[in-house]
Amino acid sequence: MEITGLGSAIVECPRIGKMIQQYGEIFLIRVYREKELVFCQRRTRALEFFSSFWAAKEAVLNCLGFSGPGVSRTQVEIIMDRQGRPLVQLHGSAKLAAKKLGIADFMISLASCRTHATATVISLPGKAVSSRNRD
């Protein structure tokens, strides 16, 4: 299996909790897409899921070569499939960047506890962006 990129990120859950408390809806809609908000808010450990999704977005952006400000986190969407596995769906400039880099898919792993959340993402090559990465 050929790998085109690797990204990882770790975040402190209380830091994300503080951002949500301090900025509320403004923070949430700048970082998360509608489906992500609904999914996380319905969980008993919502903060861990928000933090895991944040870490996943950062790890995907690392795979795409983006770092720092300038790319909207909402361009990377984390979706859970029916078996509870995380999937990546790209939008906007993140989707275009993946296409230019020949990235067709991602493998993603999430882990969290009360204090930290982490994500590891591997990007995989392909000729066209896969169905999971279509708007």
N, C-alpha and C. Protein backbone atom coordinates (compact mmCIF):
# COMPACT_ATOMS: atom_id res chain seq x y z
N MET A 1 0.84 -1.18 0.00
CA MET A 1 0.00 0.00 0.00
C MET A 1 0.89 1.24 0.00
N GLU A 2 0.67 2.10 -0.97
CA GLU A 2 1.42 3.35 -1.06
C GLU A 2 0.75 4.40 -0.18
N ILE A 3 1.57 5.17 0.49
CA ILE A 3 1.09 6.24 1.37
C ILE A 3 1.59 7.57 0.82
N THR A 4 0.72 8.55 0.71
CA THR A 4 1.14 9.85 0.20
C THR A 4 1.39 10.87 1.31
N GLY A 5 0.87 10.61 2.50
CA GLY A 5 1.07 11.56 3.59
C GLY A 5 0.66 10.99 4.93
N LEU A 6 1.19 11.61 5.96
CA LEU A 6 0.88 11.21 7.33
C LEU A 6 0.70 12.48 8.16
N GLY A 7 -0.34 12.51 8.94
CA GLY A 7 -0.57 13.64 9.83
C GLY A 7 -1.03 13.15 11.18
N SER A 8 -0.61 13.85 12.21
CA SER A 8 -1.09 13.51 13.55
C SER A 8 -1.25 14.79 14.35
N ALA A 9 -2.14 14.73 15.31
CA ALA A 9 -2.38 15.89 16.17
C ALA A 9 -2.89 15.41 17.52
N ILE A 10 -2.55 16.18 18.53
CA ILE A 10 -3.06 15.93 19.88
C ILE A 10 -3.55 17.27 20.43
N VAL A 11 -4.63 17.23 21.15
CA VAL A 11 -5.20 18.46 21.71
C VAL A 11 -5.66 18.17 23.14
N GLU A 12 -5.58 19.18 23.98
CA GLU A 12 -6.09 19.07 25.34
C GLU A 12 -7.60 19.33 25.31
N CYS A 13 -8.37 18.38 25.79
CA CYS A 13 -9.84 18.53 25.79
C CYS A 13 -10.30 19.79 26.55
N PRO A 14 -9.71 20.09 27.72
CA PRO A 14 -10.14 21.31 28.42
C PRO A 14 -9.91 22.59 27.59
N ARG A 15 -8.90 22.59 26.72
CA ARG A 15 -8.65 23.75 25.87
C ARG A 15 -9.81 23.95 24.89
N ILE A 16 -10.27 22.86 24.29
CA ILE A 16 -11.42 22.96 23.39
C ILE A 16 -12.67 23.35 24.17
N GLY A 17 -12.83 22.78 25.37
CA GLY A 17 -13.96 23.14 26.23
C GLY A 17 -13.97 24.62 26.56
N LYS A 18 -12.80 25.18 26.82
CA LYS A 18 -12.69 26.61 27.14
C LYS A 18 -13.09 27.45 25.93
N MET A 19 -12.67 27.03 24.73
CA MET A 19 -13.03 27.77 23.51
C MET A 19 -14.56 27.74 23.30
N ILE A 20 -15.15 26.57 23.55
CA ILE A 20 -16.61 26.45 23.40
C ILE A 20 -17.32 27.34 24.42
N GLN A 21 -16.85 27.33 25.67
CA GLN A 21 -17.46 28.17 26.72
C GLN A 21 -17.29 29.65 26.41
N GLN A 22 -16.08 30.03 26.00
CA GLN A 22 -15.77 31.43 25.79
C GLN A 22 -16.46 32.01 24.55
N TYR A 23 -16.46 31.25 23.45
CA TYR A 23 -16.96 31.79 22.18
C TYR A 23 -18.27 31.16 21.70
N GLY A 24 -18.69 30.08 22.35
CA GLY A 24 -19.98 29.47 22.05
C GLY A 24 -20.20 29.13 20.59
N GLU A 25 -21.37 29.52 20.11
CA GLU A 25 -21.80 29.20 18.75
C GLU A 25 -20.83 29.72 17.69
N ILE A 26 -20.23 30.87 17.93
CA ILE A 26 -19.28 31.44 16.97
C ILE A 26 -18.13 30.48 16.73
N PHE A 27 -17.56 29.95 17.79
CA PHE A 27 -16.47 28.98 17.67
C PHE A 27 -16.96 27.72 16.96
N LEU A 28 -18.08 27.20 17.40
CA LEU A 28 -18.59 25.93 16.86
C LEU A 28 -18.83 25.99 15.36
N ILE A 29 -19.45 27.06 14.86
CA ILE A 29 -19.75 27.12 13.42
C ILE A 29 -18.52 27.47 12.58
N ARG A 30 -17.48 27.99 13.21
CA ARG A 30 -16.23 28.25 12.47
C ARG A 30 -15.36 27.01 12.34
N VAL A 31 -15.62 26.02 13.17
CA VAL A 31 -14.77 24.83 13.19
C VAL A 31 -15.49 23.59 12.68
N TYR A 32 -16.76 23.44 13.01
CA TYR A 32 -17.48 22.20 12.74
C TYR A 32 -18.62 22.41 11.74
N ARG A 33 -18.83 21.41 10.91
CA ARG A 33 -19.96 21.41 9.98
C ARG A 33 -21.21 20.91 10.71
N GLU A 34 -22.36 21.13 10.10
CA GLU A 34 -23.65 20.80 10.72
C GLU A 34 -23.72 19.36 11.23
N LYS A 35 -23.34 18.40 10.40
CA LYS A 35 -23.41 16.99 10.81
C LYS A 35 -22.48 16.70 11.98
N GLU A 36 -21.32 17.34 12.00
CA GLU A 36 -20.38 17.15 13.10
C GLU A 36 -20.96 17.70 14.40
N LEU A 37 -21.57 18.87 14.33
CA LEU A 37 -22.18 19.48 15.51
C LEU A 37 -23.27 18.58 16.09
N VAL A 38 -24.14 18.12 15.23
CA VAL A 38 -25.24 17.26 15.68
C VAL A 38 -24.68 15.98 16.30
N PHE A 39 -23.72 15.36 15.62
CA PHE A 39 -23.15 14.11 16.12
C PHE A 39 -22.52 14.31 17.50
N CYS A 40 -21.65 15.31 17.63
CA CYS A 40 -20.94 15.53 18.89
C CYS A 40 -21.88 15.92 20.02
N GLN A 41 -22.83 16.80 19.74
CA GLN A 41 -23.74 17.28 20.78
C GLN A 41 -24.64 16.18 21.33
N ARG A 42 -24.85 15.13 20.57
CA ARG A 42 -25.70 14.02 21.03
C ARG A 42 -24.95 12.99 21.87
N ARG A 43 -23.68 13.15 22.03
CA ARG A 43 -22.87 12.19 22.77
C ARG A 43 -22.77 12.58 24.24
N THR A 44 -22.70 11.57 25.12
CA THR A 44 -22.54 11.86 26.55
C THR A 44 -21.16 12.45 26.82
N ARG A 45 -20.18 12.09 26.03
CA ARG A 45 -18.83 12.64 26.16
C ARG A 45 -18.58 13.63 25.01
N ALA A 46 -19.48 14.59 24.87
CA ALA A 46 -19.44 15.52 23.74
C ALA A 46 -18.09 16.22 23.61
N LEU A 47 -17.52 16.66 24.73
CA LEU A 47 -16.25 17.38 24.66
C LEU A 47 -15.14 16.51 24.07
N GLU A 48 -15.11 15.24 24.42
CA GLU A 48 -14.10 14.33 23.86
C GLU A 48 -14.28 14.20 22.35
N PHE A 49 -15.53 14.14 21.89
CA PHE A 49 -15.77 14.04 20.45
C PHE A 49 -15.41 15.33 19.73
N PHE A 50 -15.80 16.49 20.28
CA PHE A 50 -15.40 17.76 19.67
C PHE A 50 -13.87 17.84 19.59
N SER A 51 -13.19 17.43 20.64
CA SER A 51 -11.73 17.48 20.67
C SER A 51 -11.12 16.50 19.68
N SER A 52 -11.67 15.30 19.59
CA SER A 52 -11.17 14.30 18.63
C SER A 52 -11.35 14.79 17.20
N PHE A 53 -12.50 15.39 16.91
CA PHE A 53 -12.75 15.90 15.57
C PHE A 53 -11.81 17.06 15.25
N TRP A 54 -11.53 17.91 16.25
CA TRP A 54 -10.56 19.00 16.05
C TRP A 54 -9.20 18.41 15.69
N ALA A 55 -8.74 17.43 16.46
CA ALA A 55 -7.45 16.79 16.20
C ALA A 55 -7.44 16.14 14.81
N ALA A 56 -8.53 15.51 14.43
CA ALA A 56 -8.62 14.87 13.12
C ALA A 56 -8.50 15.89 12.00
N LYS A 57 -9.17 17.03 12.14
CA LYS A 57 -9.09 18.08 11.14
C LYS A 57 -7.65 18.57 10.99
N GLU A 58 -6.98 18.77 12.12
CA GLU A 58 -5.58 19.21 12.09
C GLU A 58 -4.69 18.18 11.41
N ALA A 59 -4.90 16.91 11.71
CA ALA A 59 -4.10 15.84 11.12
C ALA A 59 -4.33 15.74 9.61
N VAL A 60 -5.56 15.90 9.16
CA VAL A 60 -5.85 15.89 7.72
C VAL A 60 -5.17 17.07 7.05
N LEU A 61 -5.26 18.24 7.65
CA LEU A 61 -4.61 19.42 7.07
C LEU A 61 -3.10 19.24 7.00
N ASN A 62 -2.51 18.54 7.97
CA ASN A 62 -1.09 18.21 7.91
C ASN A 62 -0.78 17.35 6.69
N CYS A 63 -1.62 16.36 6.43
CA CYS A 63 -1.44 15.50 5.25
C CYS A 63 -1.49 16.31 3.96
N LEU A 64 -2.31 17.34 3.94
CA LEU A 64 -2.48 18.17 2.75
C LEU A 64 -1.42 19.26 2.64
N GLY A 65 -0.57 19.38 3.65
CA GLY A 65 0.49 20.38 3.62
C GLY A 65 0.09 21.75 4.11
N PHE A 66 -1.09 21.88 4.70
CA PHE A 66 -1.52 23.15 5.27
C PHE A 66 -1.04 23.25 6.70
N SER A 67 -0.57 24.42 7.08
CA SER A 67 -0.21 24.63 8.49
C SER A 67 -0.55 26.06 8.86
N GLY A 68 -0.94 26.24 10.09
CA GLY A 68 -1.26 27.58 10.56
C GLY A 68 -2.61 28.06 10.08
N PRO A 69 -2.88 29.35 10.30
CA PRO A 69 -4.18 29.92 9.93
C PRO A 69 -4.33 30.05 8.42
N GLY A 70 -5.55 30.29 7.98
CA GLY A 70 -5.79 30.52 6.57
C GLY A 70 -6.67 29.48 5.91
N VAL A 71 -6.80 28.33 6.51
CA VAL A 71 -7.67 27.28 5.97
C VAL A 71 -8.80 27.05 6.96
N SER A 72 -10.01 27.12 6.48
CA SER A 72 -11.16 26.91 7.35
C SER A 72 -11.25 25.45 7.76
N ARG A 73 -11.41 25.22 9.04
CA ARG A 73 -11.54 23.84 9.55
C ARG A 73 -12.81 23.18 9.03
N THR A 74 -13.78 23.97 8.59
CA THR A 74 -15.01 23.38 8.06
C THR A 74 -14.81 22.76 6.68
N GLN A 75 -13.66 22.98 6.07
CA GLN A 75 -13.37 22.34 4.78
C GLN A 75 -12.99 20.88 4.95
N VAL A 76 -12.74 20.47 6.18
CA VAL A 76 -12.48 19.07 6.51
C VAL A 76 -13.62 18.61 7.41
N GLU A 77 -14.34 17.60 6.96
CA GLU A 77 -15.47 17.09 7.72
C GLU A 77 -15.18 15.65 8.16
N ILE A 78 -15.44 15.38 9.42
CA ILE A 78 -15.27 14.04 9.97
C ILE A 78 -16.67 13.43 10.12
N ILE A 79 -16.84 12.27 9.51
CA ILE A 79 -18.13 11.58 9.51
C ILE A 79 -17.91 10.19 10.10
N MET A 80 -18.83 9.76 10.93
CA MET A 80 -18.76 8.40 11.47
C MET A 80 -19.66 7.50 10.63
N ASP A 81 -19.12 6.38 10.15
CA ASP A 81 -19.95 5.46 9.37
C ASP A 81 -20.84 4.63 10.29
N ARG A 82 -21.61 3.75 9.73
CA ARG A 82 -22.57 2.97 10.53
C ARG A 82 -21.90 2.03 11.52
N GLN A 83 -20.65 1.68 11.27
CA GLN A 83 -19.91 0.83 12.19
C GLN A 83 -19.13 1.65 13.23
N GLY A 84 -19.28 2.98 13.18
CA GLY A 84 -18.59 3.84 14.13
C GLY A 84 -17.18 4.21 13.73
N ARG A 85 -16.81 3.94 12.48
CA ARG A 85 -15.47 4.29 12.00
C ARG A 85 -15.48 5.71 11.45
N PRO A 86 -14.44 6.48 11.77
CA PRO A 86 -14.37 7.85 11.24
C PRO A 86 -13.95 7.85 9.77
N LEU A 87 -14.56 8.73 9.01
CA LEU A 87 -14.24 8.94 7.60
C LEU A 87 -13.99 10.42 7.39
N VAL A 88 -13.25 10.75 6.34
CA VAL A 88 -12.95 12.14 6.01
C VAL A 88 -13.69 12.53 4.74
N GLN A 89 -14.34 13.69 4.78
CA GLN A 89 -14.96 14.26 3.59
C GLN A 89 -14.41 15.68 3.45
N LEU A 90 -13.88 15.99 2.27
CA LEU A 90 -13.27 17.29 2.04
C LEU A 90 -14.20 18.21 1.26
N HIS A 91 -14.01 19.51 1.47
CA HIS A 91 -14.79 20.54 0.80
C HIS A 91 -13.84 21.67 0.41
N GLY A 92 -14.25 22.49 -0.55
CA GLY A 92 -13.52 23.70 -0.90
C GLY A 92 -12.06 23.49 -1.27
N SER A 93 -11.19 24.38 -0.76
CA SER A 93 -9.77 24.34 -1.12
C SER A 93 -9.08 23.09 -0.60
N ALA A 94 -9.57 22.50 0.47
CA ALA A 94 -8.99 21.24 0.96
C ALA A 94 -9.23 20.13 -0.05
N LYS A 95 -10.41 20.11 -0.63
CA LYS A 95 -10.74 19.11 -1.65
C LYS A 95 -9.87 19.31 -2.89
N LEU A 96 -9.69 20.56 -3.31
CA LEU A 96 -8.84 20.86 -4.46
C LEU A 96 -7.39 20.47 -4.20
N ALA A 97 -6.90 20.75 -3.01
CA ALA A 97 -5.52 20.40 -2.65
C ALA A 97 -5.32 18.89 -2.72
N ALA A 98 -6.28 18.14 -2.21
CA ALA A 98 -6.18 16.67 -2.25
C ALA A 98 -6.11 16.17 -3.68
N LYS A 99 -6.94 16.74 -4.52
CA LYS A 99 -6.96 16.34 -5.93
C LYS A 99 -5.61 16.62 -6.59
N LYS A 100 -5.06 17.81 -6.34
CA LYS A 100 -3.76 18.19 -6.91
C LYS A 100 -2.64 17.28 -6.42
N LEU A 101 -2.74 16.84 -5.18
CA LEU A 101 -1.72 15.97 -4.60
C LEU A 101 -1.95 14.50 -4.95
N GLY A 102 -3.03 14.20 -5.64
CA GLY A 102 -3.33 12.82 -6.01
C GLY A 102 -3.82 11.98 -4.84
N ILE A 103 -4.40 12.64 -3.85
CA ILE A 103 -4.93 11.93 -2.68
C ILE A 103 -6.38 11.54 -2.96
N ALA A 104 -6.66 10.25 -2.84
CA ALA A 104 -8.00 9.75 -3.11
C ALA A 104 -8.77 9.38 -1.85
N ASP A 105 -8.05 9.08 -0.78
CA ASP A 105 -8.74 8.60 0.41
C ASP A 105 -7.85 8.80 1.63
N PHE A 106 -8.43 8.60 2.79
CA PHE A 106 -7.71 8.73 4.05
C PHE A 106 -8.04 7.55 4.96
N MET A 107 -7.06 7.15 5.75
CA MET A 107 -7.28 6.22 6.86
C MET A 107 -7.12 7.06 8.11
N ILE A 108 -8.02 6.91 9.06
CA ILE A 108 -8.00 7.78 10.23
C ILE A 108 -8.26 6.99 11.50
N SER A 109 -7.53 7.36 12.54
CA SER A 109 -7.71 6.75 13.85
C SER A 109 -7.85 7.85 14.89
N LEU A 110 -8.87 7.73 15.74
CA LEU A 110 -9.12 8.71 16.80
C LEU A 110 -9.03 8.03 18.16
N ALA A 111 -8.54 8.77 19.14
CA ALA A 111 -8.53 8.28 20.52
C ALA A 111 -8.70 9.47 21.45
N SER A 112 -9.36 9.23 22.59
CA SER A 112 -9.55 10.33 23.53
C SER A 112 -9.77 9.81 24.94
N CYS A 113 -9.54 10.71 25.88
CA CYS A 113 -9.88 10.48 27.29
C CYS A 113 -10.35 11.83 27.82
N ARG A 114 -10.56 11.96 29.10
CA ARG A 114 -11.04 13.23 29.65
C ARG A 114 -10.11 14.40 29.35
N THR A 115 -8.81 14.14 29.29
CA THR A 115 -7.84 15.22 29.19
C THR A 115 -7.28 15.48 27.80
N HIS A 116 -7.22 14.46 26.96
CA HIS A 116 -6.59 14.62 25.65
C HIS A 116 -7.35 13.87 24.56
N ALA A 117 -7.20 14.37 23.34
CA ALA A 117 -7.72 13.68 22.16
C ALA A 117 -6.62 13.69 21.12
N THR A 118 -6.53 12.60 20.38
CA THR A 118 -5.49 12.49 19.36
C THR A 118 -6.07 11.89 18.09
N ALA A 119 -5.45 12.23 16.98
CA ALA A 119 -5.85 11.67 15.69
C ALA A 119 -4.60 11.40 14.87
N THR A 120 -4.63 10.30 14.15
CA THR A 120 -3.58 9.97 13.19
C THR A 120 -4.27 9.72 11.86
N VAL A 121 -3.73 10.33 10.80
CA VAL A 121 -4.34 10.24 9.48
C VAL A 121 -3.27 9.87 8.46
N ILE A 122 -3.59 8.91 7.61
CA ILE A 122 -2.73 8.52 6.50
C ILE A 122 -3.49 8.84 5.22
N SER A 123 -2.84 9.53 4.28
CA SER A 123 -3.48 9.80 3.00
C SER A 123 -3.01 8.77 1.98
N LEU A 124 -3.95 8.36 1.13
CA LEU A 124 -3.71 7.31 0.16
C LEU A 124 -3.89 7.85 -1.26
N PRO A 125 -3.08 7.38 -2.20
CA PRO A 125 -3.14 7.91 -3.57
C PRO A 125 -4.29 7.33 -4.38
N GLY A 126 -4.57 8.01 -5.46
CA GLY A 126 -5.57 7.56 -6.42
C GLY A 126 -5.65 8.56 -7.54
N LYS A 127 -6.27 8.18 -8.64
CA LYS A 127 -6.35 9.05 -9.80
C LYS A 127 -7.41 10.14 -9.64
N ALA A 128 -8.47 9.82 -8.91
CA ALA A 128 -9.55 10.79 -8.72
C ALA A 128 -9.97 10.77 -7.26
N VAL A 129 -10.54 11.87 -6.84
CA VAL A 129 -11.03 11.95 -5.47
C VAL A 129 -12.17 10.95 -5.31
N SER A 130 -12.11 10.13 -4.27
CA SER A 130 -13.09 9.07 -4.06
C SER A 130 -14.47 9.63 -3.74
N SER A 131 -15.46 8.76 -3.77
CA SER A 131 -16.84 9.18 -3.51
C SER A 131 -17.01 9.77 -2.13
N ARG A 132 -16.17 9.35 -1.18
CA ARG A 132 -16.28 9.91 0.17
C ARG A 132 -15.83 11.36 0.21
N ASN A 133 -15.05 11.79 -0.78
CA ASN A 133 -14.51 13.14 -0.78
C ASN A 133 -15.26 14.06 -1.73
N ARG A 134 -16.43 13.66 -2.16
CA ARG A 134 -17.24 14.51 -3.04
C ARG A 134 -18.24 15.29 -2.22
N ASP A 135 -18.52 16.51 -2.66
CA ASP A 135 -19.54 17.34 -2.00
C ASP A 135 -20.91 16.76 -2.21
